[in-house]
Amino acid sequence: MISDIEAREGGAFRISLTDDEPTGTGRTTEHTDTYHGRFVRLVTNEQVVEAVEFETTGPALRGEMTVTISLADADGGTDVRAVHDGLPRGPSTADNEVGWWEALA
C-alpha cells in the first residue's frame, strides 16, 4: 500500500508491504514492513533514484540506503534493474532479492 507519494525530485513517499503471515523481527509491525524516502533523481522512462529508510525499531535494519532503478527497452517489454547501495546489515542480499521478485510479481 502506498500511503503518500509526491512524484518529483525531492518529493517524499511512504510505502507499506503487508504479509499474511508474520515473517520475522525488526519489522515495522508483525505483518508489515513500512519504509519512507525521497526521490533523488527522476528521468522519465529511464531512471528513478531513491533515498530510503525502513521504519523499524530493529537496529540491524536502520539507516538510509540508495535504490537506483534503471529501465531499458527490451524485446517485447522493459528490462528493470534495481541496485541497492548502503543496504543495512540486517537483511541478507538473498532476502532482499526475494523481496524484489515478490514485489514485481
PDB file of N, CA and C in Angstrom:
ATOM      1  N   MET A   1       0.840  -1.173   0.000  1.00  0.00           N
ATOM      2  CA  MET A   1       0.000   0.000   0.000  1.00  0.00           C
ATOM      3  C   MET A   1       0.892   1.245   0.000  1.00  0.00           C
ATOM      4  N   ILE A   2       0.631   2.124  -0.906  1.00  0.00           N
ATOM      5  CA  ILE A   2       1.335   3.399  -0.932  1.00  0.00           C
ATOM      6  C   ILE A   2       0.440   4.406  -0.228  1.00  0.00           C
ATOM      7  N   SER A   3       0.929   4.929   0.883  1.00  0.00           N
ATOM      8  CA  SER A   3       0.078   5.847   1.647  1.00  0.00           C
ATOM      9  C   SER A   3       0.301   7.300   1.264  1.00  0.00           C
ATOM     10  N   ASP A   4       1.490   7.635   0.845  1.00  0.00           N
ATOM     11  CA  ASP A   4       1.792   9.006   0.446  1.00  0.00           C
ATOM     12  C   ASP A   4       2.845   8.946  -0.656  1.00  0.00           C
ATOM     13  N   ILE A   5       2.681   9.785  -1.691  1.00  0.00           N
ATOM     14  CA  ILE A   5       3.716   9.862  -2.716  1.00  0.00           C
ATOM     15  C   ILE A   5       3.659  11.236  -3.374  1.00  0.00           C
ATOM     16  N   GLU A   6       4.821  11.839  -3.526  1.00  0.00           N
ATOM     17  CA  GLU A   6       4.969  13.124  -4.201  1.00  0.00           C
ATOM     18  C   GLU A   6       6.019  12.904  -5.292  1.00  0.00           C
ATOM     19  N   ALA A   7       5.545  12.546  -6.485  1.00  0.00           N
ATOM     20  CA  ALA A   7       6.421  12.081  -7.574  1.00  0.00           C
ATOM     21  C   ALA A   7       7.112  13.245  -8.280  1.00  0.00           C
ATOM     22  N   ARG A   8       8.168  13.736  -7.630  1.00  0.00           N
ATOM     23  CA  ARG A   8       9.023  14.771  -8.207  1.00  0.00           C
ATOM     24  C   ARG A   8      10.362  14.675  -7.501  1.00  0.00           C
ATOM     25  N   GLU A   9      11.432  15.154  -8.128  1.00  0.00           N
ATOM     26  CA  GLU A   9      12.725  15.149  -7.456  1.00  0.00           C
ATOM     27  C   GLU A   9      12.613  15.945  -6.160  1.00  0.00           C
ATOM     28  N   GLY A  10      13.059  15.346  -5.070  1.00  0.00           N
ATOM     29  CA  GLY A  10      12.923  15.950  -3.755  1.00  0.00           C
ATOM     30  C   GLY A  10      11.628  15.575  -3.063  1.00  0.00           C
ATOM     31  N   GLY A  11      10.681  15.001  -3.805  1.00  0.00           N
ATOM     32  CA  GLY A  11       9.393  14.610  -3.241  1.00  0.00           C
ATOM     33  C   GLY A  11       9.513  13.371  -2.367  1.00  0.00           C
ATOM     34  N   ALA A  12       8.626  13.271  -1.404  1.00  0.00           N
ATOM     35  CA  ALA A  12       8.662  12.179  -0.437  1.00  0.00           C
ATOM     36  C   ALA A  12       7.647  11.089  -0.781  1.00  0.00           C
ATOM     37  N   PHE A  13       7.869   9.907  -0.194  1.00  0.00           N
ATOM     38  CA  PHE A  13       6.914   8.812  -0.325  1.00  0.00           C
ATOM     39  C   PHE A  13       6.979   7.945   0.921  1.00  0.00           C
ATOM     40  N   ARG A  14       5.920   7.158   1.115  1.00  0.00           N
ATOM     41  CA  ARG A  14       5.840   6.196   2.222  1.00  0.00           C
ATOM     42  C   ARG A  14       5.074   4.989   1.711  1.00  0.00           C
ATOM     43  N   ILE A  15       5.644   3.794   1.892  1.00  0.00           N
ATOM     44  CA  ILE A  15       5.068   2.568   1.346  1.00  0.00           C
ATOM     45  C   ILE A  15       5.055   1.500   2.428  1.00  0.00           C
ATOM     46  N   SER A  16       3.951   0.756   2.513  1.00  0.00           N
ATOM     47  CA  SER A  16       3.834  -0.369   3.441  1.00  0.00           C
ATOM     48  C   SER A  16       3.563  -1.639   2.649  1.00  0.00           C
ATOM     49  N   LEU A  17       4.309  -2.698   2.970  1.00  0.00           N
ATOM     50  CA  LEU A  17       4.122  -4.022   2.372  1.00  0.00           C
ATOM     51  C   LEU A  17       3.639  -4.951   3.473  1.00  0.00           C
ATOM     52  N   THR A  18       2.518  -5.654   3.241  1.00  0.00           N
ATOM     53  CA  THR A  18       1.905  -6.479   4.273  1.00  0.00           C
ATOM     54  C   THR A  18       1.891  -7.943   3.847  1.00  0.00           C
ATOM     55  N   ASP A  19       2.276  -8.824   4.779  1.00  0.00           N
ATOM     56  CA  ASP A  19       2.262 -10.273   4.577  1.00  0.00           C
ATOM     57  C   ASP A  19       1.099 -10.877   5.345  1.00  0.00           C
ATOM     58  N   ASP A  20       0.559 -11.998   4.835  1.00  0.00           N
ATOM     59  CA  ASP A  20      -0.500 -12.706   5.555  1.00  0.00           C
ATOM     60  C   ASP A  20       0.020 -13.316   6.849  1.00  0.00           C
ATOM     61  N   GLU A  21       1.245 -13.823   6.810  1.00  0.00           N
ATOM     62  CA  GLU A  21       1.850 -14.467   7.975  1.00  0.00           C
ATOM     63  C   GLU A  21       3.007 -13.612   8.493  1.00  0.00           C
ATOM     64  N   PRO A  22       3.214 -13.566   9.813  1.00  0.00           N
ATOM     65  CA  PRO A  22       4.386 -12.853  10.324  1.00  0.00           C
ATOM     66  C   PRO A  22       5.654 -13.549   9.850  1.00  0.00           C
ATOM     67  N   THR A  23       6.678 -12.754   9.509  1.00  0.00           N
ATOM     68  CA  THR A  23       7.883 -13.364   8.946  1.00  0.00           C
ATOM     69  C   THR A  23       9.159 -13.043   9.702  1.00  0.00           C
ATOM     70  N   GLY A  24       9.103 -12.318  10.795  1.00  0.00           N
ATOM     71  CA  GLY A  24      10.355 -12.078  11.499  1.00  0.00           C
ATOM     72  C   GLY A  24      10.289 -10.894  12.422  1.00  0.00           C
ATOM     73  N   THR A  25      11.428 -10.594  12.998  1.00  0.00           N
ATOM     74  CA  THR A  25      11.526  -9.480  13.942  1.00  0.00           C
ATOM     75  C   THR A  25      12.182  -8.292  13.265  1.00  0.00           C
ATOM     76  N   GLY A  26      12.091  -7.147  13.902  1.00  0.00           N
ATOM     77  CA  GLY A  26      12.721  -5.947  13.383  1.00  0.00           C
ATOM     78  C   GLY A  26      11.910  -5.242  12.326  1.00  0.00           C
ATOM     79  N   ARG A  27      10.727  -5.754  12.059  1.00  0.00           N
ATOM     80  CA  ARG A  27       9.859  -5.147  11.062  1.00  0.00           C
ATOM     81  C   ARG A  27       9.089  -3.994  11.699  1.00  0.00           C
ATOM     82  N   THR A  28       8.319  -3.292  10.878  1.00  0.00           N
ATOM     83  CA  THR A  28       7.523  -2.185  11.403  1.00  0.00           C
ATOM     84  C   THR A  28       6.447  -2.709  12.346  1.00  0.00           C
ATOM     85  N   THR A  29       5.724  -3.756  11.930  1.00  0.00           N
ATOM     86  CA  THR A  29       4.774  -4.474  12.786  1.00  0.00           C
ATOM     87  C   THR A  29       4.967  -5.959  12.507  1.00  0.00           C
ATOM     88  N   GLU A  30       4.166  -6.801  13.150  1.00  0.00           N
ATOM     89  CA  GLU A  30       4.302  -8.242  12.973  1.00  0.00           C
ATOM     90  C   GLU A  30       4.083  -8.678  11.524  1.00  0.00           C
ATOM     91  N   HIS A  31       3.234  -7.978  10.792  1.00  0.00           N
ATOM     92  CA  HIS A  31       2.885  -8.359   9.428  1.00  0.00           C
ATOM     93  C   HIS A  31       3.311  -7.351   8.362  1.00  0.00           C
ATOM     94  N   THR A  32       3.856  -6.216   8.754  1.00  0.00           N
ATOM     95  CA  THR A  32       4.054  -5.123   7.801  1.00  0.00           C
ATOM     96  C   THR A  32       5.466  -4.555   7.854  1.00  0.00           C
ATOM     97  N   ASP A  33       5.999  -4.311   6.668  1.00  0.00           N
ATOM     98  CA  ASP A  33       7.235  -3.541   6.508  1.00  0.00           C
ATOM     99  C   ASP A  33       6.851  -2.199   5.908  1.00  0.00           C
ATOM    100  N   THR A  34       7.222  -1.128   6.572  1.00  0.00           N
ATOM    101  CA  THR A  34       6.961   0.200   6.039  1.00  0.00           C
ATOM    102  C   THR A  34       8.297   0.901   5.851  1.00  0.00           C
ATOM    103  N   TYR A  35       8.422   1.590   4.749  1.00  0.00           N
ATOM    104  CA  TYR A  35       9.617   2.393   4.513  1.00  0.00           C
ATOM    105  C   TYR A  35       9.212   3.724   3.919  1.00  0.00           C
ATOM    106  N   HIS A  36      10.070   4.692   4.098  1.00  0.00           N
ATOM    107  CA  HIS A  36       9.814   6.035   3.576  1.00  0.00           C
ATOM    108  C   HIS A  36      11.095   6.536   2.916  1.00  0.00           C
ATOM    109  N   GLY A  37      10.938   7.547   2.113  1.00  0.00           N
ATOM    110  CA  GLY A  37      12.109   8.106   1.463  1.00  0.00           C
ATOM    111  C   GLY A  37      11.766   9.314   0.623  1.00  0.00           C
ATOM    112  N   ARG A  38      12.721   9.629  -0.258  1.00  0.00           N
ATOM    113  CA  ARG A  38      12.539  10.775  -1.147  1.00  0.00           C
ATOM    114  C   ARG A  38      13.145  10.432  -2.503  1.00  0.00           C
ATOM    115  N   PHE A  39      12.602  11.059  -3.525  1.00  0.00           N
ATOM    116  CA  PHE A  39      13.129  10.873  -4.875  1.00  0.00           C
ATOM    117  C   PHE A  39      14.327  11.790  -5.062  1.00  0.00           C
ATOM    118  N   VAL A  40      15.474  11.204  -5.320  1.00  0.00           N
ATOM    119  CA  VAL A  40      16.701  11.963  -5.532  1.00  0.00           C
ATOM    120  C   VAL A  40      16.798  12.385  -6.995  1.00  0.00           C
ATOM    121  N   ARG A  41      16.417  11.473  -7.889  1.00  0.00           N
ATOM    122  CA  ARG A  41      16.517  11.741  -9.327  1.00  0.00           C
ATOM    123  C   ARG A  41      15.396  10.998 -10.043  1.00  0.00           C
ATOM    124  N   LEU A  42      14.732  11.673 -10.966  1.00  0.00           N
ATOM    125  CA  LEU A  42      13.695  11.068 -11.809  1.00  0.00           C
ATOM    126  C   LEU A  42      13.973  11.436 -13.252  1.00  0.00           C
ATOM    127  N   VAL A  43      14.202  10.429 -14.086  1.00  0.00           N
ATOM    128  CA  VAL A  43      14.397  10.628 -15.523  1.00  0.00           C
ATOM    129  C   VAL A  43      13.320   9.804 -16.211  1.00  0.00           C
ATOM    130  N   THR A  44      12.371  10.457 -16.830  1.00  0.00           N
ATOM    131  CA  THR A  44      11.225   9.797 -17.435  1.00  0.00           C
ATOM    132  C   THR A  44      11.647   8.631 -18.317  1.00  0.00           C
ATOM    133  N   ASN A  45      11.038   7.472 -18.060  1.00  0.00           N
ATOM    134  CA  ASN A  45      11.249   6.242 -18.829  1.00  0.00           C
ATOM    135  C   ASN A  45      12.679   5.709 -18.770  1.00  0.00           C
ATOM    136  N   GLU A  46      13.518   6.216 -17.851  1.00  0.00           N
ATOM    137  CA  GLU A  46      14.907   5.765 -17.789  1.00  0.00           C
ATOM    138  C   GLU A  46      15.380   5.393 -16.390  1.00  0.00           C
ATOM    139  N   GLN A  47      15.133   6.269 -15.402  1.00  0.00           N
ATOM    140  CA  GLN A  47      15.771   6.036 -14.101  1.00  0.00           C
ATOM    141  C   GLN A  47      15.001   6.690 -12.967  1.00  0.00           C
ATOM    142  N   VAL A  48      14.990   5.979 -11.829  1.00  0.00           N
ATOM    143  CA  VAL A  48      14.472   6.502 -10.570  1.00  0.00           C
ATOM    144  C   VAL A  48      15.545   6.235  -9.515  1.00  0.00           C
ATOM    145  N   VAL A  49      15.965   7.271  -8.806  1.00  0.00           N
ATOM    146  CA  VAL A  49      16.915   7.113  -7.703  1.00  0.00           C
ATOM    147  C   VAL A  49      16.203   7.589  -6.439  1.00  0.00           C
ATOM    148  N   GLU A  50      16.193   6.695  -5.433  1.00  0.00           N
ATOM    149  CA  GLU A  50      15.507   6.979  -4.177  1.00  0.00           C
ATOM    150  C   GLU A  50      16.471   6.862  -3.002  1.00  0.00           C
ATOM    151  N   ALA A  51      16.293   7.700  -2.010  1.00  0.00           N
ATOM    152  CA  ALA A  51      16.931   7.539  -0.705  1.00  0.00           C
ATOM    153  C   ALA A  51      15.843   6.976   0.204  1.00  0.00           C
ATOM    154  N   VAL A  52      16.103   5.815   0.822  1.00  0.00           N
ATOM    155  CA  VAL A  52      15.071   5.042   1.506  1.00  0.00           C
ATOM    156  C   VAL A  52      15.530   4.635   2.905  1.00  0.00           C
ATOM    157  N   GLU A  53      14.569   4.612   3.850  1.00  0.00           N
ATOM    158  CA  GLU A  53      14.827   4.101   5.201  1.00  0.00           C
ATOM    159  C   GLU A  53      13.640   3.261   5.652  1.00  0.00           C
ATOM    160  N   PHE A  54      13.937   2.104   6.272  1.00  0.00           N
ATOM    161  CA  PHE A  54      12.882   1.291   6.872  1.00  0.00           C
ATOM    162  C   PHE A  54      12.381   1.979   8.124  1.00  0.00           C
ATOM    163  N   GLU A  55      11.097   1.826   8.420  1.00  0.00           N
ATOM    164  CA  GLU A  55      10.526   2.295   9.686  1.00  0.00           C
ATOM    165  C   GLU A  55      10.528   1.090  10.613  1.00  0.00           C
ATOM    166  N   THR A  56      11.499   1.040  11.521  1.00  0.00           N
ATOM    167  CA  THR A  56      11.705  -0.134  12.357  1.00  0.00           C
ATOM    168  C   THR A  56      12.388   0.237  13.658  1.00  0.00           C
ATOM    169  N   THR A  57      12.228  -0.638  14.641  1.00  0.00           N
ATOM    170  CA  THR A  57      12.991  -0.497  15.877  1.00  0.00           C
ATOM    171  C   THR A  57      14.207  -1.413  15.855  1.00  0.00           C
ATOM    172  N   GLY A  58      14.334  -2.250  14.826  1.00  0.00           N
ATOM    173  CA  GLY A  58      15.459  -3.181  14.719  1.00  0.00           C
ATOM    174  C   GLY A  58      16.730  -2.474  14.292  1.00  0.00           C
ATOM    175  N   PRO A  59      17.746  -2.441  15.138  1.00  0.00           N
ATOM    176  CA  PRO A  59      18.967  -1.709  14.809  1.00  0.00           C
ATOM    177  C   PRO A  59      19.669  -2.209  13.539  1.00  0.00           C
ATOM    178  N   ALA A  60      19.535  -3.491  13.212  1.00  0.00           N
ATOM    179  CA  ALA A  60      20.198  -4.035  12.024  1.00  0.00           C
ATOM    180  C   ALA A  60      19.508  -3.621  10.725  1.00  0.00           C
ATOM    181  N   LEU A  61      18.333  -3.007  10.836  1.00  0.00           N
ATOM    182  CA  LEU A  61      17.594  -2.567   9.648  1.00  0.00           C
ATOM    183  C   LEU A  61      17.591  -1.050   9.490  1.00  0.00           C
ATOM    184  N   ARG A  62      18.242  -0.344  10.398  1.00  0.00           N
ATOM    185  CA  ARG A  62      18.242   1.118  10.356  1.00  0.00           C
ATOM    186  C   ARG A  62      19.299   1.657   9.419  1.00  0.00           C
ATOM    187  N   GLY A  63      19.041   2.853   8.929  1.00  0.00           N
ATOM    188  CA  GLY A  63      19.999   3.552   8.089  1.00  0.00           C
ATOM    189  C   GLY A  63      19.445   3.803   6.693  1.00  0.00           C
ATOM    190  N   GLU A  64      19.918   4.885   6.116  1.00  0.00           N
ATOM    191  CA  GLU A  64      19.464   5.252   4.781  1.00  0.00           C
ATOM    192  C   GLU A  64      20.222   4.459   3.720  1.00  0.00           C
ATOM    193  N   MET A  65      19.493   3.999   2.734  1.00  0.00           N
ATOM    194  CA  MET A  65      20.106   3.335   1.590  1.00  0.00           C
ATOM    195  C   MET A  65      19.660   4.058   0.328  1.00  0.00           C
ATOM    196  N   THR A  66      20.384   3.850  -0.740  1.00  0.00           N
ATOM    197  CA  THR A  66      20.028   4.408  -2.034  1.00  0.00           C
ATOM    198  C   THR A  66      19.600   3.270  -2.944  1.00  0.00           C
ATOM    199  N   VAL A  67      18.462   3.445  -3.588  1.00  0.00           N
ATOM    200  CA  VAL A  67      17.962   2.469  -4.550  1.00  0.00           C
ATOM    201  C   VAL A  67      17.927   3.159  -5.907  1.00  0.00           C
ATOM    202  N   THR A  68      18.614   2.564  -6.878  1.00  0.00           N
ATOM    203  CA  THR A  68      18.623   3.086  -8.246  1.00  0.00           C
ATOM    204  C   THR A  68      17.920   2.078  -9.135  1.00  0.00           C
ATOM    205  N   ILE A  69      16.837   2.503  -9.749  1.00  0.00           N
ATOM    206  CA  ILE A  69      16.066   1.661 -10.652  1.00  0.00           C
ATOM    207  C   ILE A  69      16.261   2.198 -12.061  1.00  0.00           C
ATOM    208  N   SER A  70      16.803   1.342 -12.926  1.00  0.00           N
ATOM    209  CA  SER A  70      17.045   1.731 -14.320  1.00  0.00           C
ATOM    210  C   SER A  70      16.113   0.936 -15.224  1.00  0.00           C
ATOM    211  N   LEU A  71      15.571   1.604 -16.229  1.00  0.00           N
ATOM    212  CA  LEU A  71      14.651   0.991 -17.186  1.00  0.00           C
ATOM    213  C   LEU A  71      15.272   1.053 -18.571  1.00  0.00           C
ATOM    214  N   ALA A  72      15.103  -0.033 -19.340  1.00  0.00           N
ATOM    215  CA  ALA A  72      15.625  -0.064 -20.707  1.00  0.00           C
ATOM    216  C   ALA A  72      14.663  -0.838 -21.584  1.00  0.00           C
ATOM    217  N   ASP A  73      14.476  -0.374 -22.813  1.00  0.00           N
ATOM    218  CA  ASP A  73      13.643  -1.090 -23.765  1.00  0.00           C
ATOM    219  C   ASP A  73      14.215  -2.486 -23.985  1.00  0.00           C
ATOM    220  N   ALA A  74      13.316  -3.461 -24.075  1.00  0.00           N
ATOM    221  CA  ALA A  74      13.715  -4.840 -24.338  1.00  0.00           C
ATOM    222  C   ALA A  74      12.724  -5.427 -25.335  1.00  0.00           C
ATOM    223  N   ASP A  75      13.102  -6.496 -25.954  1.00  0.00           N
ATOM    224  CA  ASP A  75      12.228  -7.157 -26.912  1.00  0.00           C
ATOM    225  C   ASP A  75      10.909  -7.528 -26.236  1.00  0.00           C
ATOM    226  N   GLY A  76       9.836  -6.850 -26.610  1.00  0.00           N
ATOM    227  CA  GLY A  76       8.519  -7.148 -26.060  1.00  0.00           C
ATOM    228  C   GLY A  76       8.251  -6.590 -24.679  1.00  0.00           C
ATOM    229  N   GLY A  77       9.090  -5.711 -24.166  1.00  0.00           N
ATOM    230  CA  GLY A  77       8.834  -5.171 -22.837  1.00  0.00           C
ATOM    231  C   GLY A  77       9.904  -4.221 -22.364  1.00  0.00           C
ATOM    232  N   THR A  78      10.156  -4.262 -21.070  1.00  0.00           N
ATOM    233  CA  THR A  78      11.120  -3.365 -20.437  1.00  0.00           C
ATOM    234  C   THR A  78      11.992  -4.161 -19.481  1.00  0.00           C
ATOM    235  N   ASP A  79      13.302  -3.967 -19.559  1.00  0.00           N
ATOM    236  CA  ASP A  79      14.215  -4.523 -18.566  1.00  0.00           C
ATOM    237  C   ASP A  79      14.246  -3.566 -17.378  1.00  0.00           C
ATOM    238  N   VAL A  80      14.175  -4.120 -16.171  1.00  0.00           N
ATOM    239  CA  VAL A  80      14.225  -3.345 -14.935  1.00  0.00           C
ATOM    240  C   VAL A  80      15.438  -3.828 -14.149  1.00  0.00           C
ATOM    241  N   ARG A  81      16.283  -2.890 -13.755  1.00  0.00           N
ATOM    242  CA  ARG A  81      17.449  -3.217 -12.915  1.00  0.00           C
ATOM    243  C   ARG A  81      17.386  -2.346 -11.676  1.00  0.00           C
ATOM    244  N   ALA A  82      17.407  -3.007 -10.502  1.00  0.00           N
ATOM    245  CA  ALA A  82      17.376  -2.288  -9.224  1.00  0.00           C
ATOM    246  C   ALA A  82      18.676  -2.570  -8.481  1.00  0.00           C
ATOM    247  N   VAL A  83      19.365  -1.512  -8.077  1.00  0.00           N
ATOM    248  CA  VAL A  83      20.635  -1.636  -7.363  1.00  0.00           C
ATOM    249  C   VAL A  83      20.502  -0.908  -6.028  1.00  0.00           C
ATOM    250  N   HIS A  84      20.892  -1.594  -4.948  1.00  0.00           N
ATOM    251  CA  HIS A  84      20.892  -1.006  -3.618  1.00  0.00           C
ATOM    252  C   HIS A  84      22.316  -0.646  -3.219  1.00  0.00           C
ATOM    253  N   ASP A  85      22.485   0.539  -2.701  1.00  0.00           N
ATOM    254  CA  ASP A  85      23.741   0.963  -2.089  1.00  0.00           C
ATOM    255  C   ASP A  85      23.434   1.288  -0.636  1.00  0.00           C
ATOM    256  N   GLY A  86      24.270   0.785   0.263  1.00  0.00           N
ATOM    257  CA  GLY A  86      24.087   1.073   1.686  1.00  0.00           C
ATOM    258  C   GLY A  86      22.996   0.249   2.332  1.00  0.00           C
ATOM    259  N   LEU A  87      22.717  -0.961   1.802  1.00  0.00           N
ATOM    260  CA  LEU A  87      21.721  -1.836   2.409  1.00  0.00           C
ATOM    261  C   LEU A  87      22.121  -2.088   3.867  1.00  0.00           C
ATOM    262  N   PRO A  88      21.186  -1.897   4.820  1.00  0.00           N
ATOM    263  CA  PRO A  88      21.529  -2.159   6.218  1.00  0.00           C
ATOM    264  C   PRO A  88      22.010  -3.598   6.395  1.00  0.00           C
ATOM    265  N   ARG A  89      22.732  -3.865   7.465  1.00  0.00           N
ATOM    266  CA  ARG A  89      23.329  -5.184   7.669  1.00  0.00           C
ATOM    267  C   ARG A  89      22.314  -6.267   7.981  1.00  0.00           C
ATOM    268  N   GLY A  90      21.083  -5.897   8.359  1.00  0.00           N
ATOM    269  CA  GLY A  90      20.071  -6.881   8.762  1.00  0.00           C
ATOM    270  C   GLY A  90      19.579  -7.791   7.654  1.00  0.00           C
ATOM    271  N   PRO A  91      19.045  -7.250   6.577  1.00  0.00           N
ATOM    272  CA  PRO A  91      18.532  -8.146   5.532  1.00  0.00           C
ATOM    273  C   PRO A  91      19.675  -8.716   4.697  1.00  0.00           C
ATOM    274  N   SER A  92      19.602 -10.021   4.423  1.00  0.00           N
ATOM    275  CA  SER A  92      20.619 -10.622   3.569  1.00  0.00           C
ATOM    276  C   SER A  92      20.373 -10.183   2.127  1.00  0.00           C
ATOM    277  N   THR A  93      21.404 -10.262   1.327  1.00  0.00           N
ATOM    278  CA  THR A  93      21.261  -9.939  -0.097  1.00  0.00           C
ATOM    279  C   THR A  93      20.220 -10.853  -0.725  1.00  0.00           C
ATOM    280  N   ALA A  94      20.225 -12.136  -0.357  1.00  0.00           N
ATOM    281  CA  ALA A  94      19.257 -13.088  -0.910  1.00  0.00           C
ATOM    282  C   ALA A  94      17.825 -12.716  -0.520  1.00  0.00           C
ATOM    283  N   ASP A  95      17.598 -12.363   0.750  1.00  0.00           N
ATOM    284  CA  ASP A  95      16.253 -11.959   1.176  1.00  0.00           C
ATOM    285  C   ASP A  95      15.809 -10.691   0.457  1.00  0.00           C
ATOM    286  N   ASN A  96      16.730  -9.763   0.254  1.00  0.00           N
ATOM    287  CA  ASN A  96      16.416  -8.538  -0.453  1.00  0.00           C
ATOM    288  C   ASN A  96      15.991  -8.850  -1.891  1.00  0.00           C
ATOM    289  N   GLU A  97      16.707  -9.761  -2.529  1.00  0.00           N
ATOM    290  CA  GLU A  97      16.365 -10.137  -3.901  1.00  0.00           C
ATOM    291  C   GLU A  97      14.992 -10.816  -3.962  1.00  0.00           C
ATOM    292  N   VAL A  98      14.711 -11.707  -3.019  1.00  0.00           N
ATOM    293  CA  VAL A  98      13.403 -12.366  -2.970  1.00  0.00           C
ATOM    294  C   VAL A  98      12.298 -11.328  -2.813  1.00  0.00           C
ATOM    295  N   GLY A  99      12.522 -10.348  -1.949  1.00  0.00           N
ATOM    296  CA  GLY A  99      11.535  -9.287  -1.764  1.00  0.00           C
ATOM    297  C   GLY A  99      11.245  -8.535  -3.047  1.00  0.00           C
ATOM    298  N   TRP A 100      12.294  -8.256  -3.823  1.00  0.00           N
ATOM    299  CA  TRP A 100      12.092  -7.568  -5.116  1.00  0.00           C
ATOM    300  C   TRP A 100      11.274  -8.440  -6.063  1.00  0.00           C
ATOM    301  N   TRP A 101      11.616  -9.725  -6.147  1.00  0.00           N
ATOM    302  CA  TRP A 101      10.857 -10.609  -7.040  1.00  0.00           C
ATOM    303  C   TRP A 101       9.397 -10.679  -6.630  1.00  0.00           C
ATOM    304  N   GLU A 102       9.129 -10.760  -5.324  1.00  0.00           N
ATOM    305  CA  GLU A 102       7.755 -10.800  -4.848  1.00  0.00           C
ATOM    306  C   GLU A 102       7.023  -9.501  -5.175  1.00  0.00           C
ATOM    307  N   ALA A 103       7.679  -8.369  -4.985  1.00  0.00           N
ATOM    308  CA  ALA A 103       7.054  -7.077  -5.297  1.00  0.00           C
ATOM    309  C   ALA A 103       6.763  -6.931  -6.789  1.00  0.00           C
ATOM    310  N   LEU A 104       7.682  -7.391  -7.623  1.00  0.00           N
ATOM    311  CA  LEU A 104       7.480  -7.272  -9.058  1.00  0.00           C
ATOM    312  C   LEU A 104       6.411  -8.228  -9.583  1.00  0.00           C
ATOM    313  N   ALA A 105       6.254  -9.380  -8.902  1.00  0.00           N
ATOM    314  CA  ALA A 105       5.231 -10.346  -9.318  1.00  0.00           C
ATOM    315  C   ALA A 105       3.854  -9.767  -9.078  1.00  0.00           C
TER     316      ALA A 105
END
